Amino acid sequence: MNEIKVGVPYSRFKDIFTCYFFARINSENQESVKLAIRDAINYWSSFDSELRNEIIRISEFSIERNSRRLEKFILWAKHYFDTPQETNTQRPLVDILPVVNMNK
């Protein structure tokens, strides 16, 4: 599959992923449910705690439809809830040079 890398604000990504996950988890199609869970696991380290809570809440809300698979995912998500979020540290475009006092 081809991939495109696009830059979107994290707040927009959270909205999009939450809607995507909700729609897939509440689908009657088991392949859609499996794909949503796999995507959540793959991107888990990029989620903040608010999105992780939302994913767990959606899963618990939908648990009666797909109980076994979702129960395993909820246990996994709660176990890995405190996994550090991957962040990109911004650095200046140029190295910071020391200030030189020309009067000396």
N, C-alpha and C. Protein backbone atom coordinates (compact mmCIF):
# COMPACT_ATOMS: atom_id res chain seq x y z
N MET A 1 0.84 -1.16 0.00
CA MET A 1 0.00 0.00 0.00
C MET A 1 0.90 1.24 0.00
N ASN A 2 0.52 2.23 -0.77
CA ASN A 2 1.26 3.49 -0.81
C ASN A 2 0.91 4.33 0.40
N GLU A 3 1.89 5.06 0.90
CA GLU A 3 1.66 5.94 2.04
C GLU A 3 1.92 7.36 1.63
N ILE A 4 1.14 8.28 2.20
CA ILE A 4 1.38 9.69 2.02
C ILE A 4 1.59 10.27 3.40
N LYS A 5 2.59 11.08 3.53
CA LYS A 5 2.85 11.71 4.82
C LYS A 5 2.35 13.16 4.71
N VAL A 6 1.42 13.50 5.58
CA VAL A 6 0.88 14.85 5.59
C VAL A 6 0.99 15.40 7.01
N GLY A 7 1.10 16.68 7.11
CA GLY A 7 1.14 17.31 8.41
C GLY A 7 -0.24 17.85 8.77
N VAL A 8 -0.79 17.36 9.85
CA VAL A 8 -2.06 17.87 10.35
C VAL A 8 -1.88 18.21 11.82
N PRO A 9 -2.59 19.21 12.29
CA PRO A 9 -2.50 19.52 13.73
C PRO A 9 -2.95 18.31 14.54
N TYR A 10 -2.30 18.12 15.69
CA TYR A 10 -2.62 16.95 16.51
C TYR A 10 -4.09 16.95 16.93
N SER A 11 -4.65 18.11 17.21
CA SER A 11 -6.06 18.17 17.62
C SER A 11 -6.97 17.63 16.52
N ARG A 12 -6.62 17.91 15.25
CA ARG A 12 -7.42 17.41 14.13
C ARG A 12 -7.23 15.89 14.00
N PHE A 13 -6.00 15.42 14.18
CA PHE A 13 -5.73 13.99 14.13
C PHE A 13 -6.57 13.25 15.18
N LYS A 14 -6.64 13.81 16.40
CA LYS A 14 -7.43 13.19 17.47
C LYS A 14 -8.89 13.07 17.06
N ASP A 15 -9.44 14.14 16.49
CA ASP A 15 -10.84 14.11 16.06
C ASP A 15 -11.06 13.06 14.98
N ILE A 16 -10.17 13.05 14.00
CA ILE A 16 -10.30 12.10 12.89
C ILE A 16 -10.18 10.67 13.38
N PHE A 17 -9.17 10.40 14.21
CA PHE A 17 -8.97 9.02 14.68
C PHE A 17 -10.11 8.57 15.58
N THR A 18 -10.61 9.46 16.42
CA THR A 18 -11.74 9.11 17.30
C THR A 18 -12.96 8.72 16.47
N CYS A 19 -13.28 9.52 15.46
CA CYS A 19 -14.44 9.21 14.60
C CYS A 19 -14.23 7.91 13.83
N TYR A 20 -13.02 7.74 13.31
CA TYR A 20 -12.68 6.52 12.57
C TYR A 20 -12.81 5.30 13.47
N PHE A 21 -12.25 5.37 14.67
CA PHE A 21 -12.28 4.24 15.59
C PHE A 21 -13.72 3.92 15.99
N PHE A 22 -14.50 4.94 16.32
CA PHE A 22 -15.88 4.75 16.71
C PHE A 22 -16.68 4.06 15.60
N ALA A 23 -16.51 4.55 14.37
CA ALA A 23 -17.25 3.98 13.25
C ALA A 23 -16.86 2.52 13.00
N ARG A 24 -15.58 2.23 13.06
CA ARG A 24 -15.12 0.86 12.81
C ARG A 24 -15.54 -0.10 13.92
N ILE A 25 -15.39 0.33 15.16
CA ILE A 25 -15.71 -0.54 16.30
C ILE A 25 -17.20 -0.86 16.33
N ASN A 26 -18.03 0.08 15.94
CA ASN A 26 -19.47 -0.13 15.96
C ASN A 26 -20.00 -0.74 14.67
N SER A 27 -19.10 -1.12 13.80
CA SER A 27 -19.48 -1.76 12.55
C SER A 27 -19.88 -3.22 12.81
N GLU A 28 -20.74 -3.73 12.00
CA GLU A 28 -21.11 -5.15 12.10
C GLU A 28 -20.06 -6.04 11.44
N ASN A 29 -19.16 -5.43 10.69
CA ASN A 29 -18.13 -6.15 9.96
C ASN A 29 -16.94 -6.44 10.89
N GLN A 30 -16.66 -7.70 11.12
CA GLN A 30 -15.57 -8.08 12.03
C GLN A 30 -14.20 -7.67 11.52
N GLU A 31 -14.04 -7.60 10.19
CA GLU A 31 -12.77 -7.15 9.63
C GLU A 31 -12.53 -5.67 9.96
N SER A 32 -13.59 -4.88 9.95
CA SER A 32 -13.47 -3.46 10.31
C SER A 32 -13.08 -3.29 11.77
N VAL A 33 -13.66 -4.11 12.62
CA VAL A 33 -13.33 -4.06 14.05
C VAL A 33 -11.87 -4.44 14.24
N LYS A 34 -11.44 -5.50 13.57
CA LYS A 34 -10.05 -5.95 13.68
C LYS A 34 -9.09 -4.86 13.19
N LEU A 35 -9.44 -4.20 12.09
CA LEU A 35 -8.59 -3.14 11.55
C LEU A 35 -8.50 -1.95 12.51
N ALA A 36 -9.61 -1.58 13.13
CA ALA A 36 -9.60 -0.46 14.08
C ALA A 36 -8.71 -0.77 15.28
N ILE A 37 -8.81 -1.98 15.78
CA ILE A 37 -7.99 -2.38 16.92
C ILE A 37 -6.52 -2.40 16.53
N ARG A 38 -6.21 -2.95 15.36
CA ARG A 38 -4.83 -3.00 14.91
C ARG A 38 -4.25 -1.60 14.72
N ASP A 39 -5.05 -0.69 14.15
CA ASP A 39 -4.58 0.69 13.97
C ASP A 39 -4.36 1.38 15.31
N ALA A 40 -5.25 1.16 16.26
CA ALA A 40 -5.08 1.76 17.59
C ALA A 40 -3.80 1.26 18.25
N ILE A 41 -3.52 -0.02 18.12
CA ILE A 41 -2.30 -0.58 18.70
C ILE A 41 -1.07 0.00 18.00
N ASN A 42 -1.12 0.09 16.67
CA ASN A 42 0.02 0.61 15.92
C ASN A 42 0.34 2.06 16.25
N TYR A 43 -0.67 2.87 16.48
CA TYR A 43 -0.47 4.30 16.72
C TYR A 43 -0.51 4.67 18.20
N TRP A 44 -0.63 3.69 19.08
CA TRP A 44 -0.81 3.94 20.52
C TRP A 44 0.25 4.87 21.08
N SER A 45 1.49 4.69 20.68
CA SER A 45 2.57 5.50 21.26
C SER A 45 2.49 6.97 20.81
N SER A 46 1.71 7.26 19.80
CA SER A 46 1.56 8.66 19.38
C SER A 46 0.34 9.33 20.01
N PHE A 47 -0.47 8.56 20.74
CA PHE A 47 -1.67 9.11 21.38
C PHE A 47 -1.32 9.76 22.71
N ASP A 48 -2.00 10.86 23.03
CA ASP A 48 -1.87 11.43 24.37
C ASP A 48 -2.88 10.73 25.29
N SER A 49 -2.84 11.05 26.57
CA SER A 49 -3.70 10.35 27.54
C SER A 49 -5.18 10.59 27.26
N GLU A 50 -5.53 11.76 26.78
CA GLU A 50 -6.93 12.06 26.48
C GLU A 50 -7.47 11.15 25.37
N LEU A 51 -6.68 10.98 24.31
CA LEU A 51 -7.12 10.12 23.22
C LEU A 51 -7.12 8.65 23.66
N ARG A 52 -6.15 8.25 24.45
CA ARG A 52 -6.13 6.87 24.95
C ARG A 52 -7.37 6.59 25.78
N ASN A 53 -7.74 7.53 26.65
CA ASN A 53 -8.96 7.37 27.45
C ASN A 53 -10.19 7.25 26.56
N GLU A 54 -10.24 8.07 25.52
CA GLU A 54 -11.39 8.06 24.61
C GLU A 54 -11.48 6.72 23.86
N ILE A 55 -10.36 6.20 23.42
CA ILE A 55 -10.34 4.91 22.72
C ILE A 55 -10.82 3.80 23.66
N ILE A 56 -10.36 3.81 24.90
CA ILE A 56 -10.79 2.81 25.87
C ILE A 56 -12.29 2.96 26.16
N ARG A 57 -12.76 4.20 26.30
CA ARG A 57 -14.18 4.45 26.57
C ARG A 57 -15.05 3.95 25.41
N ILE A 58 -14.65 4.24 24.19
CA ILE A 58 -15.39 3.76 23.02
C ILE A 58 -15.42 2.23 23.01
N SER A 59 -14.30 1.63 23.32
CA SER A 59 -14.22 0.16 23.33
C SER A 59 -15.13 -0.43 24.40
N GLU A 60 -15.14 0.16 25.58
CA GLU A 60 -15.99 -0.34 26.66
C GLU A 60 -17.47 -0.13 26.34
N PHE A 61 -17.79 0.95 25.67
CA PHE A 61 -19.17 1.22 25.26
C PHE A 61 -19.65 0.18 24.25
N SER A 62 -18.75 -0.27 23.40
CA SER A 62 -19.11 -1.18 22.32
C SER A 62 -18.86 -2.64 22.67
N ILE A 63 -18.51 -2.93 23.89
CA ILE A 63 -18.04 -4.27 24.26
C ILE A 63 -19.07 -5.37 24.03
N GLU A 64 -20.33 -5.09 24.11
CA GLU A 64 -21.32 -6.15 23.98
C GLU A 64 -21.40 -6.72 22.57
N ARG A 65 -21.04 -5.93 21.58
CA ARG A 65 -21.13 -6.41 20.20
C ARG A 65 -19.99 -7.34 19.82
N ASN A 66 -18.80 -7.05 20.29
CA ASN A 66 -17.60 -7.81 19.88
C ASN A 66 -16.80 -8.18 21.12
N SER A 67 -17.42 -8.84 22.05
CA SER A 67 -16.85 -8.95 23.39
C SER A 67 -15.45 -9.52 23.48
N ARG A 68 -15.16 -10.65 22.91
CA ARG A 68 -13.87 -11.30 23.16
C ARG A 68 -12.70 -10.48 22.64
N ARG A 69 -12.79 -10.06 21.41
CA ARG A 69 -11.70 -9.28 20.81
C ARG A 69 -11.53 -7.94 21.53
N LEU A 70 -12.63 -7.28 21.85
CA LEU A 70 -12.55 -5.99 22.53
C LEU A 70 -12.08 -6.11 23.97
N GLU A 71 -12.48 -7.16 24.64
CA GLU A 71 -12.01 -7.37 26.01
C GLU A 71 -10.49 -7.49 26.04
N LYS A 72 -9.94 -8.25 25.10
CA LYS A 72 -8.48 -8.39 25.02
C LYS A 72 -7.82 -7.04 24.73
N PHE A 73 -8.43 -6.27 23.82
CA PHE A 73 -7.87 -4.96 23.48
C PHE A 73 -7.93 -4.01 24.68
N ILE A 74 -9.05 -4.00 25.40
CA ILE A 74 -9.19 -3.12 26.56
C ILE A 74 -8.15 -3.47 27.62
N LEU A 75 -7.95 -4.75 27.87
CA LEU A 75 -6.91 -5.16 28.83
C LEU A 75 -5.53 -4.70 28.35
N TRP A 76 -5.26 -4.86 27.06
CA TRP A 76 -3.98 -4.42 26.49
C TRP A 76 -3.84 -2.90 26.65
N ALA A 77 -4.88 -2.15 26.30
CA ALA A 77 -4.83 -0.69 26.35
C ALA A 77 -4.62 -0.19 27.78
N LYS A 78 -5.29 -0.79 28.73
CA LYS A 78 -5.11 -0.37 30.12
C LYS A 78 -3.72 -0.71 30.63
N HIS A 79 -3.18 -1.84 30.18
CA HIS A 79 -1.84 -2.24 30.58
C HIS A 79 -0.79 -1.28 30.02
N TYR A 80 -0.97 -0.84 28.78
CA TYR A 80 0.00 0.04 28.13
C TYR A 80 -0.40 1.51 28.16
N PHE A 81 -1.33 1.86 29.04
CA PHE A 81 -1.83 3.24 29.09
C PHE A 81 -0.70 4.24 29.37
N ASP A 82 0.23 3.89 30.22
CA ASP A 82 1.28 4.81 30.63
C ASP A 82 2.52 4.77 29.74
N THR A 83 2.44 4.13 28.58
CA THR A 83 3.56 4.13 27.65
C THR A 83 3.85 5.58 27.25
N PRO A 84 5.11 5.99 27.31
CA PRO A 84 5.43 7.38 26.96
C PRO A 84 5.02 7.71 25.53
N GLN A 85 4.50 8.91 25.37
CA GLN A 85 4.11 9.38 24.05
C GLN A 85 5.36 9.77 23.27
N GLU A 86 5.42 9.34 22.01
CA GLU A 86 6.54 9.74 21.16
C GLU A 86 6.33 11.19 20.77
N THR A 87 7.32 12.01 21.00
CA THR A 87 7.21 13.41 20.61
C THR A 87 8.44 13.79 19.82
N ASN A 88 8.23 14.72 18.93
CA ASN A 88 9.35 15.26 18.18
C ASN A 88 9.83 16.50 18.90
N THR A 89 11.09 16.50 19.29
CA THR A 89 11.62 17.68 19.95
C THR A 89 12.07 18.65 18.87
N GLN A 90 11.58 19.84 18.97
CA GLN A 90 11.96 20.85 17.99
C GLN A 90 13.35 21.36 18.32
N ARG A 91 14.11 21.58 17.31
CA ARG A 91 15.43 22.16 17.52
C ARG A 91 15.59 23.30 16.56
N PRO A 92 16.42 24.27 16.89
CA PRO A 92 16.58 25.42 16.01
C PRO A 92 17.14 25.01 14.65
N LEU A 93 16.85 25.83 13.64
CA LEU A 93 17.35 25.52 12.31
C LEU A 93 18.87 25.61 12.23
N VAL A 94 19.45 26.50 13.03
CA VAL A 94 20.91 26.62 13.07
C VAL A 94 21.36 26.39 14.51
N ASP A 95 22.58 25.95 14.66
CA ASP A 95 23.11 25.77 16.01
C ASP A 95 23.25 27.14 16.68
N ILE A 96 23.00 27.16 17.97
CA ILE A 96 23.10 28.41 18.72
C ILE A 96 24.56 28.67 19.02
N LEU A 97 25.03 29.85 18.62
CA LEU A 97 26.42 30.21 18.82
C LEU A 97 26.57 31.01 20.11
N PRO A 98 27.70 30.89 20.77
CA PRO A 98 27.90 31.67 22.00
C PRO A 98 28.02 33.16 21.66
N VAL A 99 27.61 33.98 22.62
CA VAL A 99 27.71 35.43 22.43
C VAL A 99 29.13 35.85 22.75
N VAL A 100 29.69 36.64 21.87
CA VAL A 100 31.07 37.10 22.04
C VAL A 100 31.03 38.59 22.34
N ASN A 101 31.73 39.00 23.40
CA ASN A 101 31.80 40.42 23.72
C ASN A 101 32.98 41.02 22.95
N MET A 102 32.67 41.86 21.97
CA MET A 102 33.72 42.43 21.12
C MET A 102 34.53 43.54 21.81
N ASN A 103 34.06 44.04 22.96
CA ASN A 103 34.76 45.11 23.67
C ASN A 103 35.99 44.60 24.40
N LYS A 104 36.16 43.36 24.60
CA LYS A 104 37.31 42.81 25.33
C LYS A 104 38.48 42.62 24.44
